[in-house]
Amino acid sequence: MPARQTLVVVSGPPGTGETTLARSLALELGCPAIIRDEIKQGRCVTPTLTIIERMTERARSDRHRAAHGDRQLRTDIAAGAYSPEGFVDISLDVPTLLVDTSDGYQSGTAEIAAFVRAR
């Protein structure tokens, strides 16, 4: 009998680390990562200041980030026109795990993988 197929969706506002988490989790689970920014229900959360710092560094150091509009997003945040707290979660009737990405992953990658495997 073939193994059960599972789709894991990782989402969050820009700069919360959802792409990095998806790649790390894919390595842990031994499966491919399909990245929408590169398809993004676990949700990543990070304080606004951390998001701004990450986007600033990405915009400075990674020329591919221009397609993501990080510079414009930083301008909007500074002008009060955007707040990550206004991010609207993907709404799926599935088990969901909230992951704090402020400093590493809380829950850790192994715990997130265990959550996925248990479903």
N, C-alpha and C. Protein backbone atom coordinates (compact mmCIF):
# COMPACT_ATOMS: atom_id res chain seq x y z
N MET A 1 0.85 -1.18 0.00
CA MET A 1 0.00 0.00 0.00
C MET A 1 0.89 1.24 0.00
N PRO A 2 0.62 2.22 -0.89
CA PRO A 2 1.46 3.41 -0.94
C PRO A 2 1.34 4.23 0.34
N ALA A 3 2.39 4.98 0.64
CA ALA A 3 2.37 5.86 1.81
C ALA A 3 1.29 6.92 1.64
N ARG A 4 0.72 7.34 2.75
CA ARG A 4 -0.30 8.39 2.73
C ARG A 4 0.33 9.69 2.25
N GLN A 5 -0.36 10.38 1.37
CA GLN A 5 0.12 11.65 0.84
C GLN A 5 -0.30 12.78 1.78
N THR A 6 0.60 13.68 2.06
CA THR A 6 0.32 14.80 2.95
C THR A 6 0.81 16.09 2.31
N LEU A 7 0.01 17.12 2.38
CA LEU A 7 0.40 18.45 1.94
C LEU A 7 0.56 19.31 3.17
N VAL A 8 1.71 19.92 3.32
CA VAL A 8 1.98 20.82 4.44
C VAL A 8 2.07 22.23 3.87
N VAL A 9 1.26 23.14 4.38
CA VAL A 9 1.27 24.53 3.92
C VAL A 9 1.85 25.39 5.03
N VAL A 10 2.88 26.17 4.73
CA VAL A 10 3.49 27.09 5.68
C VAL A 10 3.23 28.49 5.16
N SER A 11 2.60 29.33 5.97
CA SER A 11 2.30 30.69 5.52
C SER A 11 2.59 31.69 6.62
N GLY A 12 2.67 32.93 6.26
CA GLY A 12 2.90 34.01 7.21
C GLY A 12 3.16 35.29 6.47
N PRO A 13 3.14 36.41 7.18
CA PRO A 13 3.43 37.69 6.54
C PRO A 13 4.86 37.72 6.02
N PRO A 14 5.18 38.61 5.10
CA PRO A 14 6.54 38.73 4.60
C PRO A 14 7.55 38.91 5.73
N GLY A 15 8.67 38.23 5.60
CA GLY A 15 9.77 38.40 6.56
C GLY A 15 9.68 37.54 7.80
N THR A 16 8.68 36.67 7.92
CA THR A 16 8.56 35.86 9.13
C THR A 16 9.35 34.56 9.06
N GLY A 17 9.90 34.23 7.90
CA GLY A 17 10.73 33.04 7.78
C GLY A 17 10.02 31.82 7.27
N GLU A 18 8.86 32.01 6.64
CA GLU A 18 8.08 30.86 6.21
C GLU A 18 8.78 30.05 5.11
N THR A 19 9.47 30.70 4.19
CA THR A 19 10.19 29.97 3.14
C THR A 19 11.34 29.17 3.74
N THR A 20 12.10 29.78 4.64
CA THR A 20 13.20 29.09 5.30
C THR A 20 12.70 27.90 6.10
N LEU A 21 11.58 28.08 6.81
CA LEU A 21 10.99 26.98 7.57
C LEU A 21 10.53 25.86 6.64
N ALA A 22 9.89 26.21 5.53
CA ALA A 22 9.40 25.19 4.59
C ALA A 22 10.56 24.36 4.05
N ARG A 23 11.65 24.99 3.72
CA ARG A 23 12.82 24.26 3.21
C ARG A 23 13.41 23.35 4.29
N SER A 24 13.55 23.86 5.50
CA SER A 24 14.09 23.07 6.61
C SER A 24 13.19 21.88 6.91
N LEU A 25 11.89 22.11 6.93
CA LEU A 25 10.93 21.04 7.19
C LEU A 25 10.96 19.99 6.08
N ALA A 26 11.10 20.41 4.85
CA ALA A 26 11.19 19.47 3.72
C ALA A 26 12.40 18.56 3.88
N LEU A 27 13.52 19.13 4.31
CA LEU A 27 14.71 18.31 4.55
C LEU A 27 14.46 17.31 5.68
N GLU A 28 13.83 17.77 6.75
CA GLU A 28 13.53 16.90 7.90
C GLU A 28 12.60 15.77 7.51
N LEU A 29 11.60 16.07 6.68
CA LEU A 29 10.59 15.08 6.29
C LEU A 29 11.01 14.24 5.08
N GLY A 30 12.05 14.68 4.38
CA GLY A 30 12.48 13.96 3.20
C GLY A 30 11.51 14.10 2.04
N CYS A 31 10.99 15.30 1.86
CA CYS A 31 10.03 15.55 0.78
C CYS A 31 10.40 16.85 0.08
N PRO A 32 9.83 17.09 -1.10
CA PRO A 32 10.14 18.34 -1.79
C PRO A 32 9.43 19.53 -1.12
N ALA A 33 10.04 20.68 -1.25
CA ALA A 33 9.40 21.92 -0.83
C ALA A 33 8.95 22.64 -2.09
N ILE A 34 7.68 22.96 -2.15
CA ILE A 34 7.13 23.74 -3.27
C ILE A 34 6.84 25.12 -2.72
N ILE A 35 7.62 26.08 -3.12
CA ILE A 35 7.56 27.43 -2.54
C ILE A 35 6.83 28.36 -3.50
N ARG A 36 5.70 28.92 -3.04
CA ARG A 36 4.91 29.81 -3.90
C ARG A 36 5.71 31.04 -4.28
N ASP A 37 6.46 31.56 -3.36
CA ASP A 37 7.24 32.75 -3.68
C ASP A 37 8.38 32.41 -4.59
N GLU A 38 8.48 31.22 -4.56
CA GLU A 38 9.40 30.51 -5.46
C GLU A 38 8.68 29.46 -6.16
N ILE A 39 4.21 27.91 -3.55
CA ILE A 39 2.92 27.90 -3.00
C ILE A 39 3.13 28.01 -1.50
N LYS A 40 2.85 28.88 -0.89
CA LYS A 40 2.87 29.01 0.55
C LYS A 40 1.64 28.39 1.16
N GLN A 41 -0.88 25.08 6.08
CA GLN A 41 -1.45 26.03 7.07
C GLN A 41 -0.51 25.85 8.25
N GLY A 42 0.46 25.83 8.58
CA GLY A 42 1.22 26.37 9.67
C GLY A 42 1.42 27.85 9.35
N ARG A 43 1.43 28.67 10.34
CA ARG A 43 1.64 30.10 10.13
C ARG A 43 2.84 30.56 10.92
N CYS A 44 3.67 31.33 10.29
CA CYS A 44 4.84 31.87 10.97
C CYS A 44 4.49 33.25 11.54
N VAL A 45 4.98 33.52 12.73
CA VAL A 45 4.78 34.83 13.34
C VAL A 45 6.13 35.34 13.84
N THR A 46 6.34 36.63 13.70
CA THR A 46 7.57 37.28 14.13
C THR A 46 7.24 38.74 14.42
N PRO A 47 7.88 39.34 15.44
CA PRO A 47 7.63 40.77 15.72
C PRO A 47 7.94 41.65 14.51
N THR A 48 7.20 42.74 14.38
CA THR A 48 7.33 43.65 13.24
C THR A 48 8.76 44.12 13.05
N LEU A 49 9.47 44.49 14.12
CA LEU A 49 10.84 44.97 14.00
C LEU A 49 11.74 43.91 13.36
N THR A 50 11.57 42.66 13.74
CA THR A 50 12.36 41.57 13.15
C THR A 50 12.06 41.44 11.67
N ILE A 51 10.78 41.55 11.31
CA ILE A 51 10.38 41.48 9.90
C ILE A 51 11.08 42.58 9.10
N ILE A 52 11.06 43.79 9.62
CA ILE A 52 11.67 44.92 8.92
C ILE A 52 13.18 44.70 8.78
N GLU A 53 13.83 44.21 9.84
CA GLU A 53 15.26 43.95 9.77
C GLU A 53 15.58 42.89 8.72
N ARG A 54 14.79 41.81 8.70
CA ARG A 54 15.02 40.74 7.72
C ARG A 54 14.82 41.24 6.29
N MET A 55 13.74 42.00 6.06
CA MET A 55 13.47 42.50 4.72
C MET A 55 14.55 43.49 4.28
N THR A 56 15.02 44.32 5.19
CA THR A 56 16.08 45.27 4.87
C THR A 56 17.33 44.53 4.42
N GLU A 57 17.73 43.51 5.18
CA GLU A 57 18.91 42.73 4.83
C GLU A 57 18.72 41.98 3.51
N ARG A 58 17.54 41.38 3.33
CA ARG A 58 17.28 40.65 2.08
C ARG A 58 17.33 41.59 0.88
N ALA A 59 16.71 42.76 1.00
CA ALA A 59 16.68 43.71 -0.11
C ALA A 59 18.10 44.18 -0.44
N ARG A 60 18.93 44.30 0.58
CA ARG A 60 20.30 44.75 0.38
C ARG A 60 21.18 43.67 -0.23
N SER A 61 21.01 42.43 0.20
CA SER A 61 21.96 41.38 -0.14
C SER A 61 21.52 40.41 -1.24
N ASP A 62 20.25 40.38 -1.60
CA ASP A 62 19.76 39.38 -2.55
C ASP A 62 19.02 40.05 -3.69
N ARG A 63 19.66 40.12 -4.86
CA ARG A 63 19.06 40.83 -5.98
C ARG A 63 17.74 40.18 -6.44
N HIS A 64 17.55 38.89 -6.15
CA HIS A 64 16.30 38.22 -6.52
C HIS A 64 15.11 38.72 -5.70
N ARG A 65 15.36 39.34 -4.57
CA ARG A 65 14.27 39.83 -3.70
C ARG A 65 13.53 41.01 -4.33
N ALA A 66 14.06 41.62 -5.35
CA ALA A 66 13.38 42.75 -5.99
C ALA A 66 11.99 42.35 -6.46
N ALA A 67 11.83 41.11 -6.90
CA ALA A 67 10.52 40.62 -7.37
C ALA A 67 9.51 40.53 -6.24
N HIS A 68 9.97 40.48 -5.00
CA HIS A 68 9.07 40.38 -3.85
C HIS A 68 8.57 41.74 -3.37
N GLY A 69 9.13 42.81 -3.86
CA GLY A 69 8.70 44.14 -3.46
C GLY A 69 9.07 44.50 -2.03
N ASP A 70 10.18 43.95 -1.50
CA ASP A 70 10.57 44.23 -0.11
C ASP A 70 10.80 45.71 0.15
N ARG A 71 11.44 46.40 -0.79
CA ARG A 71 11.70 47.83 -0.56
C ARG A 71 10.39 48.60 -0.42
N GLN A 72 9.42 48.32 -1.31
CA GLN A 72 8.13 49.00 -1.23
C GLN A 72 7.41 48.63 0.06
N LEU A 73 7.50 47.37 0.45
CA LEU A 73 6.85 46.92 1.69
C LEU A 73 7.46 47.64 2.89
N ARG A 74 8.78 47.80 2.92
CA ARG A 74 9.42 48.54 4.02
C ARG A 74 8.95 49.98 4.04
N THR A 75 8.81 50.59 2.86
CA THR A 75 8.32 51.97 2.76
C THR A 75 6.90 52.06 3.30
N ASP A 76 6.05 51.09 2.93
CA ASP A 76 4.66 51.06 3.41
C ASP A 76 4.59 50.90 4.92
N ILE A 77 5.46 50.05 5.48
CA ILE A 77 5.48 49.85 6.94
C ILE A 77 5.88 51.15 7.62
N ALA A 78 6.93 51.79 7.11
CA ALA A 78 7.40 53.05 7.70
C ALA A 78 6.33 54.13 7.64
N ALA A 79 5.52 54.12 6.58
CA ALA A 79 4.46 55.12 6.41
C ALA A 79 3.18 54.74 7.15
N GLY A 80 3.18 53.58 7.80
CA GLY A 80 1.99 53.13 8.52
C GLY A 80 0.92 52.56 7.60
N ALA A 81 1.30 52.26 6.35
CA ALA A 81 0.32 51.76 5.37
C ALA A 81 0.23 50.24 5.38
N TYR A 82 1.10 49.56 6.14
CA TYR A 82 1.07 48.10 6.22
C TYR A 82 1.43 47.67 7.63
N SER A 83 0.76 46.65 8.10
CA SER A 83 1.11 46.05 9.38
C SER A 83 0.99 44.54 9.25
N PRO A 84 2.04 43.78 9.63
CA PRO A 84 1.94 42.33 9.53
C PRO A 84 0.82 41.75 10.37
N GLU A 85 0.37 42.50 11.38
CA GLU A 85 -0.75 42.03 12.20
C GLU A 85 -2.04 41.94 11.39
N GLY A 86 -2.08 42.58 10.22
CA GLY A 86 -3.25 42.53 9.35
C GLY A 86 -3.23 41.35 8.39
N PHE A 87 -2.19 40.51 8.49
CA PHE A 87 -2.09 39.34 7.62
C PHE A 87 -3.28 38.43 7.84
N VAL A 88 -3.89 37.96 6.75
CA VAL A 88 -5.05 37.07 6.84
C VAL A 88 -4.59 35.64 6.55
N ASP A 89 -4.81 34.75 7.53
CA ASP A 89 -4.41 33.36 7.38
C ASP A 89 -5.15 32.67 6.25
N ILE A 90 -4.50 31.67 5.69
CA ILE A 90 -5.18 30.76 4.78
C ILE A 90 -6.21 30.02 5.63
N SER A 91 -7.41 29.84 5.12
CA SER A 91 -8.46 29.18 5.90
C SER A 91 -8.74 27.81 5.33
N LEU A 92 -8.19 26.78 5.99
CA LEU A 92 -8.42 25.40 5.60
C LEU A 92 -8.91 24.63 6.82
N ASP A 93 -9.81 23.68 6.61
CA ASP A 93 -10.32 22.86 7.71
C ASP A 93 -9.36 21.69 7.93
N VAL A 94 -8.18 22.02 8.48
CA VAL A 94 -7.13 21.03 8.71
C VAL A 94 -6.44 21.34 10.04
N PRO A 95 -5.71 20.37 10.60
CA PRO A 95 -4.93 20.67 11.81
C PRO A 95 -3.93 21.79 11.51
N THR A 96 -3.77 22.70 12.44
CA THR A 96 -2.92 23.88 12.24
C THR A 96 -1.95 24.03 13.39
N LEU A 97 -0.76 24.47 13.09
CA LEU A 97 0.27 24.70 14.09
C LEU A 97 0.82 26.11 13.91
N LEU A 98 0.85 26.90 14.96
CA LEU A 98 1.42 28.24 14.95
C LEU A 98 2.90 28.13 15.32
N VAL A 99 3.77 28.71 14.51
CA VAL A 99 5.21 28.63 14.75
C VAL A 99 5.76 30.04 14.92
N ASP A 100 6.43 30.30 16.04
CA ASP A 100 7.08 31.59 16.27
C ASP A 100 8.46 31.52 15.64
N THR A 101 8.73 32.40 14.67
CA THR A 101 10.01 32.39 13.96
C THR A 101 10.90 33.56 14.37
N SER A 102 10.63 34.17 15.52
CA SER A 102 11.40 35.34 15.96
C SER A 102 12.88 35.03 16.12
N ASP A 103 13.18 33.85 16.69
CA ASP A 103 14.56 33.47 16.96
C ASP A 103 14.66 31.95 16.82
N GLY A 104 14.86 31.49 15.60
CA GLY A 104 14.79 30.06 15.34
C GLY A 104 13.32 29.69 15.15
N TYR A 105 12.98 28.46 15.49
CA TYR A 105 11.60 28.01 15.35
C TYR A 105 11.11 27.51 16.69
N GLN A 106 9.95 28.03 17.14
CA GLN A 106 9.30 27.57 18.36
C GLN A 106 7.91 27.15 17.98
N SER A 107 7.61 26.02 17.71
CA SER A 107 8.23 24.72 17.95
C SER A 107 9.41 24.52 17.01
N GLY A 108 10.36 23.64 17.39
CA GLY A 108 11.51 23.35 16.56
C GLY A 108 11.13 22.51 15.35
N THR A 109 12.06 22.41 14.41
CA THR A 109 11.80 21.67 13.17
C THR A 109 11.39 20.23 13.45
N ALA A 110 12.05 19.57 14.41
CA ALA A 110 11.72 18.17 14.73
C ALA A 110 10.29 18.06 15.27
N GLU A 111 9.88 19.00 16.12
CA GLU A 111 8.51 18.99 16.65
C GLU A 111 7.49 19.28 15.56
N ILE A 112 7.83 20.17 14.64
CA ILE A 112 6.94 20.48 13.53
C ILE A 112 6.79 19.24 12.64
N ALA A 113 7.90 18.57 12.37
CA ALA A 113 7.87 17.35 11.57
C ALA A 113 7.03 16.28 12.26
N ALA A 114 7.13 16.15 13.59
CA ALA A 114 6.33 15.18 14.34
C ALA A 114 4.85 15.52 14.21
N PHE A 115 4.50 16.81 14.25
CA PHE A 115 3.13 17.27 14.07
C PHE A 115 2.61 16.81 12.70
N VAL A 116 3.45 16.99 11.66
CA VAL A 116 3.06 16.61 10.31
C VAL A 116 2.88 15.09 10.21
N ARG A 117 3.86 14.35 10.74
CA ARG A 117 3.81 12.89 10.64
C ARG A 117 2.62 12.31 11.39
N ALA A 118 2.16 12.95 12.45
CA ALA A 118 1.04 12.45 13.27
C ALA A 118 -0.30 12.67 12.59
N ARG A 119 -0.34 13.47 11.57
CA ARG A 119 -1.60 13.80 10.92
C ARG A 119 -1.90 12.85 9.81
